[in-house]
Protein backbone atom coordinates (compact mmCIF):
# COMPACT_ATOMS: atom_id res chain seq x y z
CA MET A 1 -17.30 9.21 -3.34
CA THR A 2 -14.31 7.92 -5.23
CA GLU A 3 -10.70 7.40 -4.30
CA HIS A 4 -9.94 10.64 -6.17
CA LYS A 5 -12.45 12.53 -4.00
CA ILE A 6 -10.85 11.14 -0.84
CA ARG A 7 -7.50 12.44 -2.03
CA GLU A 8 -9.06 15.85 -2.76
CA LEU A 9 -10.59 15.85 0.73
CA VAL A 10 -7.18 15.10 2.26
CA LYS A 11 -5.68 18.02 0.32
CA GLU A 12 -8.45 20.36 1.46
CA PHE A 13 -7.97 19.33 5.08
CA SER A 14 -4.19 18.86 4.98
CA ASP A 15 -3.90 20.95 8.15
CA ILE A 16 -5.56 18.14 10.14
CA VAL A 17 -4.92 14.99 8.03
CA GLU A 18 -1.51 13.39 8.38
CA SER A 19 -2.02 10.48 5.98
CA ILE A 20 -4.35 8.07 4.26
CA GLU A 21 -3.91 4.67 5.88
CA SER A 22 -6.24 2.75 3.60
CA ILE A 23 -8.81 3.12 0.85
CA GLU A 24 -11.14 0.44 -0.52
CA PHE A 25 -13.42 1.30 -3.42
CA THR A 26 -15.87 -0.92 -5.27
CA GLU A 27 -18.42 -0.10 -7.93
CA GLU A 28 -20.99 -2.24 -9.68
CA GLU A 29 -24.22 -1.37 -11.44
CA ARG A 30 -24.39 2.24 -10.23
CA VAL A 31 -23.69 1.30 -6.62
CA SER A 32 -20.35 2.45 -5.25
CA LYS A 33 -18.89 1.74 -1.85
CA ILE A 34 -15.90 3.36 -0.25
CA LYS A 35 -14.09 2.71 2.99
CA ALA A 36 -11.15 4.84 4.02
CA LYS A 37 -9.04 5.33 7.10
CA LEU A 38 -7.39 8.70 7.67
CA ARG A 39 -4.71 9.34 10.29
CA LEU A 40 -5.11 12.82 11.76
CA VAL A 41 -2.38 15.09 13.10
CA ASP A 42 -3.33 14.47 16.73
CA ALA A 43 -2.85 10.66 16.29
CA THR A 44 -6.61 10.06 16.10
CA VAL A 45 -8.22 8.22 13.18
CA LEU A 46 -11.27 8.92 11.04
CA TRP A 47 -12.98 5.91 9.47
CA ILE A 48 -15.11 6.81 6.46
CA ARG A 49 -17.75 4.54 4.92
CA GLU A 50 -20.19 5.61 2.23
CA ILE A 51 -22.55 3.79 -0.09
CA GLU A 52 -23.81 5.70 -3.12
CA VAL A 53 -26.58 4.68 -5.49
CA TYR A 54 -26.85 6.64 -8.74
CA GLY A 55 -24.49 9.25 -7.27
CA SER A 56 -26.45 9.89 -4.06
CA ILE A 57 -25.24 8.82 -0.63
CA VAL A 58 -27.75 6.36 0.81
CA ALA A 59 -25.71 5.15 3.78
CA TYR A 60 -22.75 6.58 5.63
CA SER A 61 -20.78 6.29 8.81
CA TYR A 62 -17.86 8.41 9.94
CA TYR A 63 -16.14 7.37 13.15
CA TRP A 64 -13.51 9.50 14.81
CA LEU A 65 -11.44 7.32 17.14
CA ARG A 66 -8.81 7.87 19.82
CA PRO A 67 -5.44 6.11 19.43
CA GLY A 68 -6.69 3.27 21.65
CA GLY A 69 -9.74 2.74 19.44
CA SER A 70 -12.47 4.29 21.58
CA THR A 71 -14.98 6.56 19.87
CA ILE A 72 -14.72 10.33 20.18
CA VAL A 73 -17.71 10.96 17.88
CA GLY A 74 -19.44 8.64 15.44
CA TRP A 75 -21.86 9.94 12.80
CA ASP A 76 -24.20 7.74 10.76
CA ASN A 77 -27.61 7.46 9.19
CA ALA A 78 -28.59 3.93 10.20
CA PRO A 79 -32.35 4.15 10.81
CA HIS A 80 -32.36 2.84 14.37
CA HIS A 81 -32.81 5.99 16.50
CA LYS A 82 -36.25 7.24 15.54
CA GLU A 83 -36.42 9.42 18.64
CA VAL A 84 -33.68 11.73 17.31
CA GLN A 85 -34.92 14.99 15.81
CA THR A 86 -32.65 14.66 12.76
CA PHE A 87 -33.62 11.00 12.11
CA PRO A 88 -32.03 9.05 10.53
CA HIS A 89 -28.96 11.30 10.91
CA HIS A 90 -27.41 11.08 14.37
CA LYS A 91 -24.13 11.02 16.22
CA HIS A 92 -22.73 8.86 18.99
CA ILE A 93 -20.87 10.65 21.75
CA GLY A 94 -19.93 8.18 24.44
CA LYS A 95 -23.14 6.31 25.25
CA ASP A 96 -25.30 9.25 24.16
CA ILE A 97 -27.14 9.55 20.85
CA GLU A 98 -27.61 13.12 19.65
CA PRO A 99 -29.07 14.88 16.60
CA SER A 100 -26.53 15.55 13.87
CA GLU A 101 -26.18 18.25 11.28
CA GLN A 102 -22.95 16.67 9.99
CA THR A 103 -24.43 14.51 7.23
CA ASP A 104 -21.44 14.25 4.89
CA VAL A 105 -17.72 13.78 5.27
CA ARG A 106 -16.84 17.41 4.49
CA LYS A 107 -19.07 18.64 7.35
CA VAL A 108 -17.49 16.04 9.64
CA MET A 109 -14.01 17.22 8.68
CA LYS A 110 -14.99 20.84 9.38
CA PHE A 111 -16.36 19.77 12.78
CA ILE A 112 -13.07 17.99 13.60
CA ARG A 113 -11.03 20.97 12.37
CA ASP A 114 -13.03 23.33 14.59
CA PHE A 115 -12.69 20.95 17.53
CA LEU A 116 -8.92 20.69 17.14
CA GLY A 117 -8.74 24.47 16.91
């Protein structure tokens, strides 16, 4: 994902995204890394982190946080929950680890949109 794609994502989900608070993008030898922080309309924040190699996402984490910083839902593919049916994809809800079908930022944004109603 590039900075341009983040801006396109914000446009697509402008009904739930208030602003982009930060974007960091680096690229070297076909490895790109992006970190972004989006402020949502309900005062929550979505942290986005992706690492792409040759155009494919190899690592991601998307954390949706309350204004005080506590996690609402966190999605990632760190390979540390082998018991989860969708391994390595999983989500953190409170202290629980659950299977996750939201494996990219667009699916996460749709989940948040549906949640916010």
